mmCIF file of all heavy atoms, coordinates in Angstrom:
data_MODEL
# 
_entry.id   MODEL 
# 
loop_
_atom_site.group_PDB 
_atom_site.id 
_atom_site.type_symbol 
_atom_site.label_atom_id 
_atom_site.label_alt_id 
_atom_site.label_comp_id 
_atom_site.label_asym_id 
_atom_site.label_entity_id 
_atom_site.label_seq_id 
_atom_site.pdbx_PDB_ins_code 
_atom_site.Cartn_x 
_atom_site.Cartn_y 
_atom_site.Cartn_z 
_atom_site.occupancy 
_atom_site.B_iso_or_equiv 
_atom_site.pdbx_formal_charge 
_atom_site.auth_seq_id 
_atom_site.auth_comp_id 
_atom_site.auth_asym_id 
_atom_site.auth_atom_id 
_atom_site.pdbx_PDB_model_num 
ATOM 1   N N   . PHE A 1 1  ? 13.584  8.698  -14.363 1.00 0.00 ? 1  PHE A N   1 
ATOM 2   C CA  . PHE A 1 1  ? 12.238  9.103  -14.772 1.00 0.00 ? 1  PHE A CA  1 
ATOM 3   C C   . PHE A 1 1  ? 11.216  8.748  -13.700 1.00 0.00 ? 1  PHE A C   1 
ATOM 4   O O   . PHE A 1 1  ? 10.338  9.545  -13.368 1.00 0.00 ? 1  PHE A O   1 
ATOM 5   C CB  . PHE A 1 1  ? 11.883  8.424  -16.098 1.00 0.00 ? 1  PHE A CB  1 
ATOM 6   C CG  . PHE A 1 1  ? 10.527  8.770  -16.637 1.00 0.00 ? 1  PHE A CG  1 
ATOM 7   C CD1 . PHE A 1 1  ? 10.296  10.005 -17.226 1.00 0.00 ? 1  PHE A CD1 1 
ATOM 8   C CD2 . PHE A 1 1  ? 9.483   7.862  -16.553 1.00 0.00 ? 1  PHE A CD2 1 
ATOM 9   C CE1 . PHE A 1 1  ? 9.040   10.333 -17.727 1.00 0.00 ? 1  PHE A CE1 1 
ATOM 10  C CE2 . PHE A 1 1  ? 8.226   8.180  -17.048 1.00 0.00 ? 1  PHE A CE2 1 
ATOM 11  C CZ  . PHE A 1 1  ? 8.003   9.417  -17.638 1.00 0.00 ? 1  PHE A CZ  1 
ATOM 12  N N   . TRP A 1 2  ? 11.335  7.563  -13.115 1.00 0.00 ? 2  TRP A N   1 
ATOM 13  C CA  . TRP A 1 2  ? 10.397  7.123  -12.082 1.00 0.00 ? 2  TRP A CA  1 
ATOM 14  C C   . TRP A 1 2  ? 10.429  8.033  -10.857 1.00 0.00 ? 2  TRP A C   1 
ATOM 15  O O   . TRP A 1 2  ? 9.393   8.235  -10.202 1.00 0.00 ? 2  TRP A O   1 
ATOM 16  C CB  . TRP A 1 2  ? 10.733  5.697  -11.647 1.00 0.00 ? 2  TRP A CB  1 
ATOM 17  C CG  . TRP A 1 2  ? 10.329  4.650  -12.649 1.00 0.00 ? 2  TRP A CG  1 
ATOM 18  C CD1 . TRP A 1 2  ? 9.490   4.806  -13.710 1.00 0.00 ? 2  TRP A CD1 1 
ATOM 19  C CD2 . TRP A 1 2  ? 10.750  3.286  -12.659 1.00 0.00 ? 2  TRP A CD2 1 
ATOM 20  N NE1 . TRP A 1 2  ? 9.356   3.624  -14.400 1.00 0.00 ? 2  TRP A NE1 1 
ATOM 21  C CE2 . TRP A 1 2  ? 10.117  2.665  -13.786 1.00 0.00 ? 2  TRP A CE2 1 
ATOM 22  C CE3 . TRP A 1 2  ? 11.580  2.520  -11.873 1.00 0.00 ? 2  TRP A CE3 1 
ATOM 23  C CZ2 . TRP A 1 2  ? 10.297  1.323  -14.109 1.00 0.00 ? 2  TRP A CZ2 1 
ATOM 24  C CZ3 . TRP A 1 2  ? 11.767  1.187  -12.183 1.00 0.00 ? 2  TRP A CZ3 1 
ATOM 25  C CH2 . TRP A 1 2  ? 11.133  0.596  -13.295 1.00 0.00 ? 2  TRP A CH2 1 
ATOM 26  N N   . LYS A 1 3  ? 11.588  8.571  -10.546 1.00 0.00 ? 3  LYS A N   1 
ATOM 27  C CA  . LYS A 1 3  ? 11.728  9.402  -9.354  1.00 0.00 ? 3  LYS A CA  1 
ATOM 28  C C   . LYS A 1 3  ? 10.962  10.718 -9.436  1.00 0.00 ? 3  LYS A C   1 
ATOM 29  O O   . LYS A 1 3  ? 10.775  11.404 -8.437  1.00 0.00 ? 3  LYS A O   1 
ATOM 30  C CB  . LYS A 1 3  ? 13.208  9.682  -9.085  1.00 0.00 ? 3  LYS A CB  1 
ATOM 31  C CG  . LYS A 1 3  ? 14.005  8.445  -8.693  1.00 0.00 ? 3  LYS A CG  1 
ATOM 32  C CD  . LYS A 1 3  ? 15.491  8.756  -8.608  1.00 0.00 ? 3  LYS A CD  1 
ATOM 33  C CE  . LYS A 1 3  ? 16.294  7.485  -8.348  1.00 0.00 ? 3  LYS A CE  1 
ATOM 34  N NZ  . LYS A 1 3  ? 17.763  7.743  -8.354  1.00 0.00 ? 3  LYS A NZ  1 
ATOM 35  N N   . LYS A 1 4  ? 10.495  11.072 -10.631 1.00 0.00 ? 4  LYS A N   1 
ATOM 36  C CA  . LYS A 1 4  ? 9.767   12.336 -10.815 1.00 0.00 ? 4  LYS A CA  1 
ATOM 37  C C   . LYS A 1 4  ? 8.318   12.242 -10.361 1.00 0.00 ? 4  LYS A C   1 
ATOM 38  O O   . LYS A 1 4  ? 7.644   13.260 -10.212 1.00 0.00 ? 4  LYS A O   1 
ATOM 39  C CB  . LYS A 1 4  ? 9.794   12.748 -12.284 1.00 0.00 ? 4  LYS A CB  1 
ATOM 40  C CG  . LYS A 1 4  ? 11.181  13.023 -12.845 1.00 0.00 ? 4  LYS A CG  1 
ATOM 41  C CD  . LYS A 1 4  ? 11.099  13.366 -14.319 1.00 0.00 ? 4  LYS A CD  1 
ATOM 42  C CE  . LYS A 1 4  ? 12.475  13.601 -14.915 1.00 0.00 ? 4  LYS A CE  1 
ATOM 43  N NZ  . LYS A 1 4  ? 12.406  13.907 -16.377 1.00 0.00 ? 4  LYS A NZ  1 
ATOM 44  N N   . PHE A 1 5  ? 7.831   11.015 -10.136 1.00 0.00 ? 5  PHE A N   1 
ATOM 45  C CA  . PHE A 1 5  ? 6.414   10.828 -9.865  1.00 0.00 ? 5  PHE A CA  1 
ATOM 46  C C   . PHE A 1 5  ? 6.187   10.257 -8.471  1.00 0.00 ? 5  PHE A C   1 
ATOM 47  O O   . PHE A 1 5  ? 7.008   9.493  -7.953  1.00 0.00 ? 5  PHE A O   1 
ATOM 48  C CB  . PHE A 1 5  ? 5.803   9.891  -10.920 1.00 0.00 ? 5  PHE A CB  1 
ATOM 49  C CG  . PHE A 1 5  ? 5.990   10.393 -12.331 1.00 0.00 ? 5  PHE A CG  1 
ATOM 50  C CD1 . PHE A 1 5  ? 7.073   9.971  -13.090 1.00 0.00 ? 5  PHE A CD1 1 
ATOM 51  C CD2 . PHE A 1 5  ? 5.099   11.303 -12.867 1.00 0.00 ? 5  PHE A CD2 1 
ATOM 52  C CE1 . PHE A 1 5  ? 7.260   10.440 -14.373 1.00 0.00 ? 5  PHE A CE1 1 
ATOM 53  C CE2 . PHE A 1 5  ? 5.272   11.786 -14.155 1.00 0.00 ? 5  PHE A CE2 1 
ATOM 54  C CZ  . PHE A 1 5  ? 6.359   11.355 -14.916 1.00 0.00 ? 5  PHE A CZ  1 
ATOM 55  N N   . PRO A 1 6  ? 5.062   10.619 -7.850  1.00 0.00 ? 6  PRO A N   1 
ATOM 56  C CA  . PRO A 1 6  ? 4.791   10.150 -6.482  1.00 0.00 ? 6  PRO A CA  1 
ATOM 57  C C   . PRO A 1 6  ? 4.471   8.666  -6.432  1.00 0.00 ? 6  PRO A C   1 
ATOM 58  O O   . PRO A 1 6  ? 3.916   8.087  -7.365  1.00 0.00 ? 6  PRO A O   1 
ATOM 59  C CB  . PRO A 1 6  ? 3.570   10.983 -6.070  1.00 0.00 ? 6  PRO A CB  1 
ATOM 60  C CG  . PRO A 1 6  ? 2.911   11.361 -7.347  1.00 0.00 ? 6  PRO A CG  1 
ATOM 61  C CD  . PRO A 1 6  ? 4.022   11.538 -8.351  1.00 0.00 ? 6  PRO A CD  1 
ATOM 62  N N   . ASN A 1 7  ? 4.828   8.068  -5.310  1.00 0.00 ? 7  ASN A N   1 
ATOM 63  C CA  . ASN A 1 7  ? 4.535   6.661  -5.037  1.00 0.00 ? 7  ASN A CA  1 
ATOM 64  C C   . ASN A 1 7  ? 3.556   6.568  -3.879  1.00 0.00 ? 7  ASN A C   1 
ATOM 65  O O   . ASN A 1 7  ? 3.662   7.317  -2.899  1.00 0.00 ? 7  ASN A O   1 
ATOM 66  C CB  . ASN A 1 7  ? 5.811   5.906  -4.654  1.00 0.00 ? 7  ASN A CB  1 
ATOM 67  C CG  . ASN A 1 7  ? 6.826   5.853  -5.772  1.00 0.00 ? 7  ASN A CG  1 
ATOM 68  O OD1 . ASN A 1 7  ? 6.842   4.932  -6.570  1.00 0.00 ? 7  ASN A OD1 1 
ATOM 69  N ND2 . ASN A 1 7  ? 7.693   6.861  -5.833  1.00 0.00 ? 7  ASN A ND2 1 
ATOM 70  N N   . ARG A 1 8  ? 2.618   5.644  -3.971  1.00 0.00 ? 8  ARG A N   1 
ATOM 71  C CA  . ARG A 1 8  ? 1.767   5.369  -2.819  1.00 0.00 ? 8  ARG A CA  1 
ATOM 72  C C   . ARG A 1 8  ? 2.648   4.809  -1.712  1.00 0.00 ? 8  ARG A C   1 
ATOM 73  O O   . ARG A 1 8  ? 3.549   4.021  -1.966  1.00 0.00 ? 8  ARG A O   1 
ATOM 74  C CB  . ARG A 1 8  ? 0.676   4.373  -3.206  1.00 0.00 ? 8  ARG A CB  1 
ATOM 75  C CG  . ARG A 1 8  ? -0.305  4.106  -2.076  1.00 0.00 ? 8  ARG A CG  1 
ATOM 76  C CD  . ARG A 1 8  ? -1.153  2.882  -2.349  1.00 0.00 ? 8  ARG A CD  1 
ATOM 77  N NE  . ARG A 1 8  ? -2.365  3.207  -3.080  1.00 0.00 ? 8  ARG A NE  1 
ATOM 78  C CZ  . ARG A 1 8  ? -2.666  2.719  -4.269  1.00 0.00 ? 8  ARG A CZ  1 
ATOM 79  N NH1 . ARG A 1 8  ? -1.823  1.906  -4.881  1.00 0.00 ? 8  ARG A NH1 1 
ATOM 80  N NH2 . ARG A 1 8  ? -3.798  3.035  -4.858  1.00 0.00 ? 8  ARG A NH2 1 
ATOM 81  N N   . PHE A 1 9  ? 2.382   5.198  -0.470  1.00 0.00 ? 9  PHE A N   1 
ATOM 82  C CA  . PHE A 1 9  ? 3.251   4.805  0.643   1.00 0.00 ? 9  PHE A CA  1 
ATOM 83  C C   . PHE A 1 9  ? 3.300   3.298  0.832   1.00 0.00 ? 9  PHE A C   1 
ATOM 84  O O   . PHE A 1 9  ? 4.235   2.765  1.425   1.00 0.00 ? 9  PHE A O   1 
ATOM 85  C CB  . PHE A 1 9  ? 2.796   5.484  1.934   1.00 0.00 ? 9  PHE A CB  1 
ATOM 86  C CG  . PHE A 1 9  ? 1.571   4.882  2.555   1.00 0.00 ? 9  PHE A CG  1 
ATOM 87  C CD1 . PHE A 1 9  ? 1.668   4.040  3.650   1.00 0.00 ? 9  PHE A CD1 1 
ATOM 88  C CD2 . PHE A 1 9  ? 0.303   5.156  2.040   1.00 0.00 ? 9  PHE A CD2 1 
ATOM 89  C CE1 . PHE A 1 9  ? 0.541   3.484  4.231   1.00 0.00 ? 9  PHE A CE1 1 
ATOM 90  C CE2 . PHE A 1 9  ? -0.827  4.608  2.614   1.00 0.00 ? 9  PHE A CE2 1 
ATOM 91  C CZ  . PHE A 1 9  ? -0.718  3.766  3.708   1.00 0.00 ? 9  PHE A CZ  1 
ATOM 92  N N   . VAL A 1 10 ? 2.295   2.582  0.317   1.00 0.00 ? 10 VAL A N   1 
ATOM 93  C CA  . VAL A 1 10 ? 2.282   1.127  0.417   1.00 0.00 ? 10 VAL A CA  1 
ATOM 94  C C   . VAL A 1 10 ? 1.692   0.569  -0.874  1.00 0.00 ? 10 VAL A C   1 
ATOM 95  O O   . VAL A 1 10 ? 0.776   1.148  -1.460  1.00 0.00 ? 10 VAL A O   1 
ATOM 96  C CB  . VAL A 1 10 ? 1.456   0.656  1.636   1.00 0.00 ? 10 VAL A CB  1 
ATOM 97  C CG1 . VAL A 1 10 ? 0.017   1.146  1.549   1.00 0.00 ? 10 VAL A CG1 1 
ATOM 98  C CG2 . VAL A 1 10 ? 1.478   -0.866 1.758   1.00 0.00 ? 10 VAL A CG2 1 
ATOM 99  N N   . HIS A 1 11 ? 2.223   -0.565 -1.321  1.00 0.00 ? 11 HIS A N   1 
ATOM 100 C CA  . HIS A 1 11 ? 1.643   -1.258 -2.455  1.00 0.00 ? 11 HIS A CA  1 
ATOM 101 C C   . HIS A 1 11 ? 0.515   -2.143 -1.923  1.00 0.00 ? 11 HIS A C   1 
ATOM 102 O O   . HIS A 1 11 ? 0.761   -3.196 -1.337  1.00 0.00 ? 11 HIS A O   1 
ATOM 103 C CB  . HIS A 1 11 ? 2.693   -2.119 -3.171  1.00 0.00 ? 11 HIS A CB  1 
ATOM 104 C CG  . HIS A 1 11 ? 3.796   -1.333 -3.790  1.00 0.00 ? 11 HIS A CG  1 
ATOM 105 N ND1 . HIS A 1 11 ? 4.936   -0.979 -3.095  1.00 0.00 ? 11 HIS A ND1 1 
ATOM 106 C CD2 . HIS A 1 11 ? 3.939   -0.817 -5.039  1.00 0.00 ? 11 HIS A CD2 1 
ATOM 107 C CE1 . HIS A 1 11 ? 5.743   -0.290 -3.892  1.00 0.00 ? 11 HIS A CE1 1 
ATOM 108 N NE2 . HIS A 1 11 ? 5.164   -0.174 -5.071  1.00 0.00 ? 11 HIS A NE2 1 
ATOM 109 N N   . GLY A 1 12 ? -0.701  -1.714 -2.094  1.00 0.00 ? 12 GLY A N   1 
ATOM 110 C CA  . GLY A 1 12 ? -1.823  -2.460 -1.569  1.00 0.00 ? 12 GLY A CA  1 
ATOM 111 C C   . GLY A 1 12 ? -3.136  -1.852 -2.020  1.00 0.00 ? 12 GLY A C   1 
ATOM 112 O O   . GLY A 1 12 ? -3.178  -0.741 -2.555  1.00 0.00 ? 12 GLY A O   1 
ATOM 113 N N   . ARG A 1 13 ? -4.214  -2.592 -1.787  1.00 0.00 ? 13 ARG A N   1 
ATOM 114 C CA  . ARG A 1 13 ? -5.538  -2.079 -2.161  1.00 0.00 ? 13 ARG A CA  1 
ATOM 115 C C   . ARG A 1 13 ? -6.603  -2.784 -1.329  1.00 0.00 ? 13 ARG A C   1 
ATOM 116 O O   . ARG A 1 13 ? -6.425  -3.905 -0.861  1.00 0.00 ? 13 ARG A O   1 
ATOM 117 C CB  . ARG A 1 13 ? -5.810  -2.304 -3.648  1.00 0.00 ? 13 ARG A CB  1 
ATOM 118 C CG  . ARG A 1 13 ? -5.761  -3.756 -4.091  1.00 0.00 ? 13 ARG A CG  1 
ATOM 119 C CD  . ARG A 1 13 ? -5.915  -3.898 -5.603  1.00 0.00 ? 13 ARG A CD  1 
ATOM 120 N NE  . ARG A 1 13 ? -5.784  -5.280 -6.030  1.00 0.00 ? 13 ARG A NE  1 
ATOM 121 C CZ  . ARG A 1 13 ? -6.778  -6.161 -6.041  1.00 0.00 ? 13 ARG A CZ  1 
ATOM 122 N NH1 . ARG A 1 13 ? -7.980  -5.786 -5.649  1.00 0.00 ? 13 ARG A NH1 1 
ATOM 123 N NH2 . ARG A 1 13 ? -6.587  -7.393 -6.449  1.00 0.00 ? 13 ARG A NH2 1 
ATOM 124 N N   . MET A 1 14 ? -7.706  -2.079 -1.137  1.00 0.00 ? 14 MET A N   1 
ATOM 125 C CA  . MET A 1 14 ? -8.877  -2.611 -0.429  1.00 0.00 ? 14 MET A CA  1 
ATOM 126 C C   . MET A 1 14 ? -8.485  -3.174 0.935   1.00 0.00 ? 14 MET A C   1 
ATOM 127 O O   . MET A 1 14 ? -8.813  -4.312 1.292   1.00 0.00 ? 14 MET A O   1 
ATOM 128 C CB  . MET A 1 14 ? -9.584  -3.669 -1.295  1.00 0.00 ? 14 MET A CB  1 
ATOM 129 C CG  . MET A 1 14 ? -10.054 -3.147 -2.639  1.00 0.00 ? 14 MET A CG  1 
ATOM 130 S SD  . MET A 1 14 ? -10.861 -4.392 -3.670  1.00 0.00 ? 14 MET A SD  1 
ATOM 131 C CE  . MET A 1 14 ? -12.404 -4.611 -2.790  1.00 0.00 ? 14 MET A CE  1 
ATOM 132 N N   . ASN A 1 15 ? -7.766  -2.372 1.709   1.00 0.00 ? 15 ASN A N   1 
ATOM 133 C CA  . ASN A 1 15 ? -7.337  -2.765 3.053   1.00 0.00 ? 15 ASN A CA  1 
ATOM 134 C C   . ASN A 1 15 ? -8.001  -1.891 4.104   1.00 0.00 ? 15 ASN A C   1 
ATOM 135 O O   . ASN A 1 15 ? -8.426  -0.769 3.824   1.00 0.00 ? 15 ASN A O   1 
ATOM 136 C CB  . ASN A 1 15 ? -5.816  -2.644 3.190   1.00 0.00 ? 15 ASN A CB  1 
ATOM 137 C CG  . ASN A 1 15 ? -5.070  -3.605 2.290   1.00 0.00 ? 15 ASN A CG  1 
ATOM 138 O OD1 . ASN A 1 15 ? -5.369  -4.791 2.258   1.00 0.00 ? 15 ASN A OD1 1 
ATOM 139 N ND2 . ASN A 1 15 ? -4.087  -3.111 1.553   1.00 0.00 ? 15 ASN A ND2 1 
ATOM 140 N N   . GLN A 1 16 ? -8.033  -2.383 5.322   1.00 0.00 ? 16 GLN A N   1 
ATOM 141 C CA  . GLN A 1 16 ? -8.547  -1.617 6.449   1.00 0.00 ? 16 GLN A CA  1 
ATOM 142 C C   . GLN A 1 16 ? -7.662  -1.856 7.667   1.00 0.00 ? 16 GLN A C   1 
ATOM 143 O O   . GLN A 1 16 ? -7.489  -2.984 8.107   1.00 0.00 ? 16 GLN A O   1 
ATOM 144 C CB  . GLN A 1 16 ? -9.989  -2.029 6.764   1.00 0.00 ? 16 GLN A CB  1 
ATOM 145 C CG  . GLN A 1 16 ? -10.613 -1.264 7.924   1.00 0.00 ? 16 GLN A CG  1 
ATOM 146 C CD  . GLN A 1 16 ? -12.044 -1.695 8.206   1.00 0.00 ? 16 GLN A CD  1 
ATOM 147 O OE1 . GLN A 1 16 ? -12.689 -2.310 7.375   1.00 0.00 ? 16 GLN A OE1 1 
ATOM 148 N NE2 . GLN A 1 16 ? -12.544 -1.377 9.388   1.00 0.00 ? 16 GLN A NE2 1 
ATOM 149 N N   . ASN A 1 17 ? -7.078  -0.786 8.154   1.00 0.00 ? 17 ASN A N   1 
ATOM 150 C CA  . ASN A 1 17 ? -6.246  -0.844 9.360   1.00 0.00 ? 17 ASN A CA  1 
ATOM 151 C C   . ASN A 1 17 ? -5.084  -1.822 9.193   1.00 0.00 ? 17 ASN A C   1 
ATOM 152 O O   . ASN A 1 17 ? -4.985  -2.842 9.876   1.00 0.00 ? 17 ASN A O   1 
ATOM 153 C CB  . ASN A 1 17 ? -7.086  -1.234 10.575  1.00 0.00 ? 17 ASN A CB  1 
ATOM 154 C CG  . ASN A 1 17 ? -6.305  -1.130 11.872  1.00 0.00 ? 17 ASN A CG  1 
ATOM 155 O OD1 . ASN A 1 17 ? -5.400  -0.296 11.999  1.00 0.00 ? 17 ASN A OD1 1 
ATOM 156 N ND2 . ASN A 1 17 ? -6.625  -1.975 12.839  1.00 0.00 ? 17 ASN A ND2 1 
ATOM 157 N N   . ILE A 1 18 ? -4.193  -1.503 8.265   1.00 0.00 ? 18 ILE A N   1 
ATOM 158 C CA  . ILE A 1 18 ? -3.037  -2.383 8.028   1.00 0.00 ? 18 ILE A CA  1 
ATOM 159 C C   . ILE A 1 18 ? -1.747  -1.573 8.028   1.00 0.00 ? 18 ILE A C   1 
ATOM 160 O O   . ILE A 1 18 ? -1.739  -0.371 7.761   1.00 0.00 ? 18 ILE A O   1 
ATOM 161 C CB  . ILE A 1 18 ? -3.170  -3.153 6.690   1.00 0.00 ? 18 ILE A CB  1 
ATOM 162 C CG1 . ILE A 1 18 ? -3.056  -2.203 5.469   1.00 0.00 ? 18 ILE A CG1 1 
ATOM 163 C CG2 . ILE A 1 18 ? -4.450  -3.931 6.636   1.00 0.00 ? 18 ILE A CG2 1 
ATOM 164 C CD1 . ILE A 1 18 ? -1.724  -2.170 4.810   1.00 0.00 ? 18 ILE A CD1 1 
ATOM 165 N N   . THR A 1 19 ? -0.656  -2.236 8.336   1.00 0.00 ? 19 THR A N   1 
ATOM 166 C CA  . THR A 1 19 ? 0.687   -1.719 8.079   1.00 0.00 ? 19 THR A CA  1 
ATOM 167 C C   . THR A 1 19 ? 1.477   -2.851 7.441   1.00 0.00 ? 19 THR A C   1 
ATOM 168 O O   . THR A 1 19 ? 1.316   -4.017 7.805   1.00 0.00 ? 19 THR A O   1 
ATOM 169 C CB  . THR A 1 19 ? 1.403   -1.256 9.368   1.00 0.00 ? 19 THR A CB  1 
ATOM 170 O OG1 . THR A 1 19 ? 1.468   -2.344 10.292  1.00 0.00 ? 19 THR A OG1 1 
ATOM 171 C CG2 . THR A 1 19 ? 0.697   -0.078 10.006  1.00 0.00 ? 19 THR A CG2 1 
ATOM 172 N N   . GLY A 1 20 ? 2.304   -2.523 6.494   1.00 0.00 ? 20 GLY A N   1 
ATOM 173 C CA  . GLY A 1 20 ? 3.083   -3.552 5.817   1.00 0.00 ? 20 GLY A CA  1 
ATOM 174 C C   . GLY A 1 20 ? 3.367   -3.168 4.390   1.00 0.00 ? 20 GLY A C   1 
ATOM 175 O O   . GLY A 1 20 ? 3.352   -1.986 4.031   1.00 0.00 ? 20 GLY A O   1 
ATOM 176 N N   . GLU A 1 21 ? 3.619   -4.151 3.555   1.00 0.00 ? 21 GLU A N   1 
ATOM 177 C CA  . GLU A 1 21 ? 3.940   -3.917 2.152   1.00 0.00 ? 21 GLU A CA  1 
ATOM 178 C C   . GLU A 1 21 ? 3.426   -5.082 1.314   1.00 0.00 ? 21 GLU A C   1 
ATOM 179 O O   . GLU A 1 21 ? 3.528   -6.248 1.722   1.00 0.00 ? 21 GLU A O   1 
ATOM 180 C CB  . GLU A 1 21 ? 5.458   -3.768 1.988   1.00 0.00 ? 21 GLU A CB  1 
ATOM 181 C CG  . GLU A 1 21 ? 5.904   -3.368 0.594   1.00 0.00 ? 21 GLU A CG  1 
ATOM 182 C CD  . GLU A 1 21 ? 5.273   -2.077 0.110   1.00 0.00 ? 21 GLU A CD  1 
ATOM 183 O OE1 . GLU A 1 21 ? 4.139   -2.148 -0.423  1.00 0.00 ? 21 GLU A OE1 1 
ATOM 184 O OE2 . GLU A 1 21 ? 5.884   -1.009 0.252   1.00 0.00 ? 21 GLU A OE2 1 
ATOM 185 N N   . TYR A 1 22 ? 2.868   -4.746 0.151   1.00 0.00 ? 22 TYR A N   1 
ATOM 186 C CA  . TYR A 1 22 ? 2.227   -5.730 -0.728  1.00 0.00 ? 22 TYR A CA  1 
ATOM 187 C C   . TYR A 1 22 ? 1.121   -6.481 0.028   1.00 0.00 ? 22 TYR A C   1 
ATOM 188 O O   . TYR A 1 22 ? 1.094   -7.710 0.100   1.00 0.00 ? 22 TYR A O   1 
ATOM 189 C CB  . TYR A 1 22 ? 3.247   -6.717 -1.296  1.00 0.00 ? 22 TYR A CB  1 
ATOM 190 C CG  . TYR A 1 22 ? 4.345   -6.078 -2.115  1.00 0.00 ? 22 TYR A CG  1 
ATOM 191 C CD1 . TYR A 1 22 ? 5.682   -6.201 -1.752  1.00 0.00 ? 22 TYR A CD1 1 
ATOM 192 C CD2 . TYR A 1 22 ? 4.050   -5.346 -3.259  1.00 0.00 ? 22 TYR A CD2 1 
ATOM 193 C CE1 . TYR A 1 22 ? 6.690   -5.609 -2.499  1.00 0.00 ? 22 TYR A CE1 1 
ATOM 194 C CE2 . TYR A 1 22 ? 5.053   -4.744 -4.015  1.00 0.00 ? 22 TYR A CE2 1 
ATOM 195 C CZ  . TYR A 1 22 ? 6.375   -4.874 -3.627  1.00 0.00 ? 22 TYR A CZ  1 
ATOM 196 O OH  . TYR A 1 22 ? 7.372   -4.282 -4.367  1.00 0.00 ? 22 TYR A OH  1 
ATOM 197 N N   . VAL A 1 23 ? 0.232   -5.707 0.625   1.00 0.00 ? 23 VAL A N   1 
ATOM 198 C CA  . VAL A 1 23 ? -0.891  -6.264 1.369   1.00 0.00 ? 23 VAL A CA  1 
ATOM 199 C C   . VAL A 1 23 ? -2.182  -5.903 0.637   1.00 0.00 ? 23 VAL A C   1 
ATOM 200 O O   . VAL A 1 23 ? -2.400  -4.736 0.300   1.00 0.00 ? 23 VAL A O   1 
ATOM 201 C CB  . VAL A 1 23 ? -0.939  -5.716 2.808   1.00 0.00 ? 23 VAL A CB  1 
ATOM 202 C CG1 . VAL A 1 23 ? -2.107  -6.324 3.584   1.00 0.00 ? 23 VAL A CG1 1 
ATOM 203 C CG2 . VAL A 1 23 ? 0.374   -5.986 3.527   1.00 0.00 ? 23 VAL A CG2 1 
ATOM 204 N N   . VAL A 1 24 ? -3.036  -6.899 0.378   1.00 0.00 ? 24 VAL A N   1 
ATOM 205 C CA  . VAL A 1 24 ? -4.288  -6.640 -0.336  1.00 0.00 ? 24 VAL A CA  1 
ATOM 206 C C   . VAL A 1 24 ? -5.457  -7.333 0.358   1.00 0.00 ? 24 VAL A C   1 
ATOM 207 O O   . VAL A 1 24 ? -5.290  -8.367 1.012   1.00 0.00 ? 24 VAL A O   1 
ATOM 208 C CB  . VAL A 1 24 ? -4.218  -7.108 -1.815  1.00 0.00 ? 24 VAL A CB  1 
ATOM 209 C CG1 . VAL A 1 24 ? -3.147  -6.349 -2.568  1.00 0.00 ? 24 VAL A CG1 1 
ATOM 210 C CG2 . VAL A 1 24 ? -3.958  -8.608 -1.904  1.00 0.00 ? 24 VAL A CG2 1 
ATOM 211 N N   . LEU A 1 25 ? -6.632  -6.703 0.250   1.00 0.00 ? 25 LEU A N   1 
ATOM 212 C CA  . LEU A 1 25 ? -7.881  -7.297 0.730   1.00 0.00 ? 25 LEU A CA  1 
ATOM 213 C C   . LEU A 1 25 ? -7.778  -7.757 2.181   1.00 0.00 ? 25 LEU A C   1 
ATOM 214 O O   . LEU A 1 25 ? -8.284  -8.825 2.560   1.00 0.00 ? 25 LEU A O   1 
ATOM 215 C CB  . LEU A 1 25 ? -8.287  -8.480 -0.160  1.00 0.00 ? 25 LEU A CB  1 
ATOM 216 C CG  . LEU A 1 25 ? -8.559  -8.154 -1.639  1.00 0.00 ? 25 LEU A CG  1 
ATOM 217 C CD1 . LEU A 1 25 ? -8.596  -9.429 -2.464  1.00 0.00 ? 25 LEU A CD1 1 
ATOM 218 C CD2 . LEU A 1 25 ? -9.863  -7.399 -1.783  1.00 0.00 ? 25 LEU A CD2 1 
ATOM 219 N N   . SER A 1 26 ? -7.130  -6.966 3.024   1.00 0.00 ? 26 SER A N   1 
ATOM 220 C CA  . SER A 1 26 ? -6.846  -7.399 4.395   1.00 0.00 ? 26 SER A CA  1 
ATOM 221 C C   . SER A 1 26 ? -7.406  -6.422 5.424   1.00 0.00 ? 26 SER A C   1 
ATOM 222 O O   . SER A 1 26 ? -7.671  -5.249 5.122   1.00 0.00 ? 26 SER A O   1 
ATOM 223 C CB  . SER A 1 26 ? -5.340  -7.572 4.589   1.00 0.00 ? 26 SER A CB  1 
ATOM 224 O OG  . SER A 1 26 ? -4.840  -8.592 3.738   1.00 0.00 ? 26 SER A OG  1 
ATOM 225 N N   . LYS A 1 27 ? -7.564  -6.928 6.635   1.00 0.00 ? 27 LYS A N   1 
ATOM 226 C CA  . LYS A 1 27 ? -8.128  -6.134 7.723   1.00 0.00 ? 27 LYS A CA  1 
ATOM 227 C C   . LYS A 1 27 ? -7.388  -6.441 9.023   1.00 0.00 ? 27 LYS A C   1 
ATOM 228 O O   . LYS A 1 27 ? -7.124  -7.595 9.342   1.00 0.00 ? 27 LYS A O   1 
ATOM 229 C CB  . LYS A 1 27 ? -9.621  -6.464 7.880   1.00 0.00 ? 27 LYS A CB  1 
ATOM 230 C CG  . LYS A 1 27 ? -10.329 -5.719 8.992   1.00 0.00 ? 27 LYS A CG  1 
ATOM 231 C CD  . LYS A 1 27 ? -11.789 -6.139 9.063   1.00 0.00 ? 27 LYS A CD  1 
ATOM 232 C CE  . LYS A 1 27 ? -12.527 -5.437 10.189  1.00 0.00 ? 27 LYS A CE  1 
ATOM 233 N NZ  . LYS A 1 27 ? -13.938 -5.873 10.282  1.00 0.00 ? 27 LYS A NZ  1 
ATOM 234 N N   . ASN A 1 28 ? -7.032  -5.386 9.742   1.00 0.00 ? 28 ASN A N   1 
ATOM 235 C CA  . ASN A 1 28 ? -6.332  -5.533 11.020  1.00 0.00 ? 28 ASN A CA  1 
ATOM 236 C C   . ASN A 1 28 ? -5.072  -6.384 10.866  1.00 0.00 ? 28 ASN A C   1 
ATOM 237 O O   . ASN A 1 28 ? -4.869  -7.388 11.565  1.00 0.00 ? 28 ASN A O   1 
ATOM 238 C CB  . ASN A 1 28 ? -7.250  -6.157 12.079  1.00 0.00 ? 28 ASN A CB  1 
ATOM 239 C CG  . ASN A 1 28 ? -8.488  -5.318 12.329  1.00 0.00 ? 28 ASN A CG  1 
ATOM 240 O OD1 . ASN A 1 28 ? -8.470  -4.099 12.175  1.00 0.00 ? 28 ASN A OD1 1 
ATOM 241 N ND2 . ASN A 1 28 ? -9.575  -5.973 12.714  1.00 0.00 ? 28 ASN A ND2 1 
ATOM 242 N N   . ALA A 1 29 ? -4.239  -5.992 9.927   1.00 0.00 ? 29 ALA A N   1 
ATOM 243 C CA  . ALA A 1 29 ? -2.978  -6.702 9.670   1.00 0.00 ? 29 ALA A CA  1 
ATOM 244 C C   . ALA A 1 29 ? -1.824  -5.775 10.023  1.00 0.00 ? 29 ALA A C   1 
ATOM 245 O O   . ALA A 1 29 ? -1.701  -4.677 9.467   1.00 0.00 ? 29 ALA A O   1 
ATOM 246 C CB  . ALA A 1 29 ? -2.896  -7.134 8.210   1.00 0.00 ? 29 ALA A CB  1 
# 
């Protein structure tokens, strides 16, 4: 069932210029 719906490419929020996973409230990470 989960496979039917889109996933955000990263689990995160309120970030700026980041790459990674489970990153929040971060900048230049």
